[in-house]
Amino acid sequence: MTTLLGIAGSLRRRSYNRALLEAAATLMPDGARLEVAGIDGIPLYDGDAEAADGVPAAVAALKARLAAADGLLLATPEYNNGIPGAFKNAVDWLSRPPDDVARLFAGRPVAVIGATPGGMGTVLAQDAWLPVLRALKTRPWYEGRLMVSGVQRRFDDEGRLTDDDLRESLSRFLTGFVGFVRGARAAD
């Protein structure tokens, strides 16, 4: 079984990016599954707090889930043409202590998707993730992009995906990314 960890990068209870991941979990190809996680409960990174208290429990739990996954799927909102601070903060915590970069990120297949009510579909936030993913030595999947604009018209009030075109695009994206993850695993 190929397992992906999808992290929703918004703190909102009714986040469109969480809804996108929940929809993705129902569209996974055979022999693959997607576990959906959030970033709630992760405090602002503070090196003094880390030195005094270690890694917070919410971070440790997310790290354990990432370590057990074959690939990582980041579902990013776009705030002011970039990565949301809370999402970047969560990834910064995941990279602490620095020795965990090799264990959690180095060579790990990763893809970025995103949904927004705006018209550009998180293209700038997704591009902004690339230097971060490079610094963490991940193995980004460049062959597929999924940038959902006008997301409020694609989900109902309960967060269920209602747009058939998006459902098909998401399914193709997931099939491609799972293939990439499996290929990366076979090459290692």
Protein backbone atom coordinates (compact mmCIF):
# COMPACT_ATOMS: atom_id res chain seq x y z
CA MET A 1 0.00 0.00 0.00
CA THR A 2 1.34 3.42 -0.97
CA THR A 3 0.57 5.99 1.71
CA LEU A 4 0.57 9.74 1.17
CA LEU A 5 0.32 12.31 3.91
CA GLY A 6 -1.66 15.35 2.83
CA ILE A 7 -1.18 18.45 4.97
CA ALA A 8 -3.77 21.23 4.72
CA GLY A 9 -2.03 24.56 5.13
CA SER A 10 -4.88 26.56 6.61
CA LEU A 11 -6.07 26.92 10.18
CA ARG A 12 -9.67 27.54 9.09
CA ARG A 13 -12.19 25.00 10.27
CA ARG A 14 -13.86 24.94 6.83
CA SER A 15 -10.68 25.27 4.82
CA TYR A 16 -11.06 24.73 1.09
CA ASN A 17 -7.62 23.14 1.04
CA ARG A 18 -8.66 20.60 3.67
CA ALA A 19 -11.81 19.95 1.62
CA LEU A 20 -9.61 19.43 -1.44
CA LEU A 21 -7.55 16.86 0.46
CA GLU A 22 -10.68 15.15 1.79
CA ALA A 23 -11.94 14.86 -1.80
CA ALA A 24 -8.52 13.55 -2.86
CA ALA A 25 -8.69 10.83 -0.21
CA THR A 26 -11.78 9.44 -1.95
CA LEU A 27 -10.13 9.49 -5.39
CA MET A 28 -6.90 7.65 -4.67
CA PRO A 29 -5.83 5.00 -7.19
CA ASP A 30 -5.92 1.33 -6.27
CA GLY A 31 -3.31 0.33 -3.72
CA ALA A 32 -2.87 3.86 -2.40
CA ARG A 33 -4.34 5.91 0.40
CA LEU A 34 -4.17 9.51 1.54
CA GLU A 35 -4.11 10.48 5.21
CA VAL A 36 -5.23 14.06 5.79
CA ALA A 37 -3.54 16.17 8.45
CA GLY A 38 -3.73 19.77 9.56
CA ILE A 39 -1.45 22.29 11.20
CA ASP A 40 -3.69 23.29 14.08
CA GLY A 41 -2.08 23.20 17.51
CA ILE A 42 1.40 23.99 16.20
CA PRO A 43 2.83 27.03 18.00
CA LEU A 44 5.00 29.69 16.42
CA TYR A 45 8.54 28.45 16.09
CA ASP A 46 10.79 29.73 18.86
CA GLY A 47 14.32 28.37 19.16
CA ASP A 48 14.41 29.21 22.86
CA ALA A 49 11.20 27.24 23.45
CA GLU A 50 12.62 24.34 21.44
CA ALA A 51 15.82 24.38 23.51
CA ALA A 52 13.88 24.50 26.79
CA ASP A 53 10.98 22.17 26.01
CA GLY A 54 11.87 20.23 22.86
CA VAL A 55 9.46 19.62 20.02
CA PRO A 56 5.78 20.30 20.89
CA ALA A 57 3.44 17.30 20.97
CA ALA A 58 1.45 18.48 17.91
CA VAL A 59 4.68 18.69 15.91
CA ALA A 60 5.91 15.29 17.13
CA ALA A 61 2.61 13.68 16.11
CA LEU A 62 2.77 15.21 12.62
CA LYS A 63 6.42 14.17 12.29
CA ALA A 64 5.49 10.56 13.11
CA ARG A 65 2.81 10.58 10.43
CA LEU A 66 5.22 12.04 7.88
CA ALA A 67 7.92 9.49 8.72
CA ALA A 68 5.42 6.68 8.07
CA ALA A 69 4.28 8.07 4.69
CA ASP A 70 5.74 7.29 1.29
CA GLY A 71 5.03 10.75 -0.09
CA LEU A 72 3.90 14.21 0.98
CA LEU A 73 1.11 16.29 -0.55
CA LEU A 74 0.99 19.93 0.53
CA ALA A 75 -2.36 21.68 0.01
CA THR A 76 -1.50 25.35 0.17
CA PRO A 77 -3.69 28.40 0.34
CA GLU A 78 -2.24 31.61 -1.06
CA TYR A 79 -2.12 34.66 1.18
CA ASN A 80 -0.87 37.95 -0.25
CA ASN A 81 0.70 36.14 -3.22
CA GLY A 82 2.71 33.74 -1.08
CA ILE A 83 2.90 30.87 1.39
CA PRO A 84 0.68 31.30 4.46
CA GLY A 85 2.85 32.03 7.50
CA ALA A 86 1.21 29.34 9.63
CA PHE A 87 1.91 26.67 6.99
CA LYS A 88 5.56 27.67 6.56
CA ASN A 89 5.88 27.76 10.36
CA ALA A 90 4.60 24.17 10.57
CA VAL A 91 7.15 22.98 8.02
CA ASP A 92 9.87 24.90 9.87
CA TRP A 93 8.94 23.00 13.05
CA LEU A 94 8.95 19.69 11.13
CA SER A 95 12.56 20.39 10.15
CA ARG A 96 13.66 20.68 13.79
CA PRO A 97 16.04 19.51 15.05
CA PRO A 98 18.11 19.84 11.85
CA ASP A 99 19.01 16.12 11.90
CA ASP A 100 15.35 15.37 11.17
CA VAL A 101 15.60 16.94 7.71
CA ALA A 102 17.35 13.82 6.39
CA ARG A 103 14.88 11.49 8.12
CA LEU A 104 11.69 13.31 7.15
CA PHE A 105 12.38 15.20 3.96
CA ALA A 106 15.53 14.15 2.08
CA GLY A 107 14.49 12.30 -1.06
CA ARG A 108 10.83 12.22 -0.04
CA PRO A 109 8.48 12.61 -3.02
CA VAL A 110 6.38 15.74 -2.60
CA ALA A 111 3.73 17.55 -4.60
CA VAL A 112 1.92 20.82 -4.03
CA ILE A 113 -1.71 21.60 -4.78
CA GLY A 114 -3.85 24.50 -3.73
CA ALA A 115 -7.28 26.05 -3.80
CA THR A 116 -8.38 29.65 -3.51
CA PRO A 117 -11.46 31.77 -4.15
CA GLY A 118 -9.24 34.06 -6.25
CA GLY A 119 -8.52 33.80 -9.93
CA MET A 120 -4.89 32.65 -9.99
CA GLY A 121 -5.33 29.31 -8.25
CA THR A 122 -2.38 29.49 -5.79
CA VAL A 123 0.24 29.61 -8.55
CA LEU A 124 2.43 32.05 -6.61
CA ALA A 125 2.21 30.13 -3.33
CA GLN A 126 3.05 26.89 -5.12
CA ASP A 127 6.06 28.51 -6.77
CA ALA A 128 7.13 29.96 -3.41
CA TRP A 129 7.28 26.44 -1.95
CA LEU A 130 9.97 25.36 -4.43
CA PRO A 131 12.99 26.94 -2.65
CA VAL A 132 11.75 25.52 0.66
CA LEU A 133 11.40 22.04 -0.82
CA ARG A 134 14.85 22.36 -2.39
CA ALA A 135 16.39 23.39 0.94
CA LEU A 136 14.79 20.36 2.58
CA LYS A 137 16.24 18.12 -0.16
CA THR A 138 12.85 16.69 -1.12
CA ARG A 139 12.08 15.07 -4.46
CA PRO A 140 9.38 17.37 -5.92
CA TRP A 141 7.04 16.11 -8.60
CA TYR A 142 7.12 18.67 -11.39
CA GLU A 143 4.97 16.88 -13.95
CA GLY A 144 1.61 17.80 -12.50
CA ARG A 145 0.10 20.98 -11.16
CA LEU A 146 -3.28 21.48 -9.63
CA MET A 147 -4.22 25.08 -8.93
CA VAL A 148 -7.90 25.51 -8.15
CA SER A 149 -9.34 28.99 -8.63
CA GLY A 150 -12.92 29.99 -7.81
CA VAL A 151 -12.99 27.17 -5.28
CA GLN A 152 -16.16 28.43 -3.58
CA ARG A 153 -18.11 27.37 -6.70
CA ARG A 154 -16.61 23.86 -6.70
CA PHE A 155 -17.62 22.69 -3.22
CA ASP A 156 -20.97 22.74 -1.46
CA ASP A 157 -21.62 24.28 1.96
CA GLU A 158 -20.62 21.01 3.64
CA GLY A 159 -17.22 20.94 1.93
CA ARG A 160 -18.08 18.22 -0.59
CA LEU A 161 -16.61 18.45 -4.08
CA THR A 162 -19.40 19.14 -6.60
CA ASP A 163 -17.38 20.00 -9.72
CA ASP A 164 -16.94 17.03 -12.07
CA ASP A 165 -14.11 18.67 -14.04
CA LEU A 166 -12.13 19.27 -10.86
CA ARG A 167 -12.86 15.72 -9.69
CA GLU A 168 -11.38 14.39 -12.95
CA SER A 169 -8.34 16.72 -12.77
CA LEU A 170 -7.71 15.76 -9.15
CA SER A 171 -7.99 12.07 -9.98
CA ARG A 172 -5.46 12.39 -12.84
CA PHE A 173 -3.12 14.38 -10.60
CA LEU A 174 -3.26 11.76 -7.86
CA THR A 175 -2.67 8.91 -10.30
CA GLY A 176 0.39 10.70 -11.65
CA PHE A 177 1.78 11.56 -8.23
CA VAL A 178 1.23 8.05 -6.84
CA GLY A 179 3.07 6.69 -9.89
CA PHE A 180 5.94 9.07 -9.17
CA VAL A 181 6.03 8.01 -5.51
CA ARG A 182 6.07 4.34 -6.45
CA GLY A 183 8.83 4.94 -9.01
CA ALA A 184 10.90 6.83 -6.46
CA ARG A 185 10.48 4.02 -3.96
CA ALA A 186 11.51 1.41 -6.53
CA ALA A 187 14.61 3.45 -7.47
CA ASP A 188 15.83 3.67 -3.86
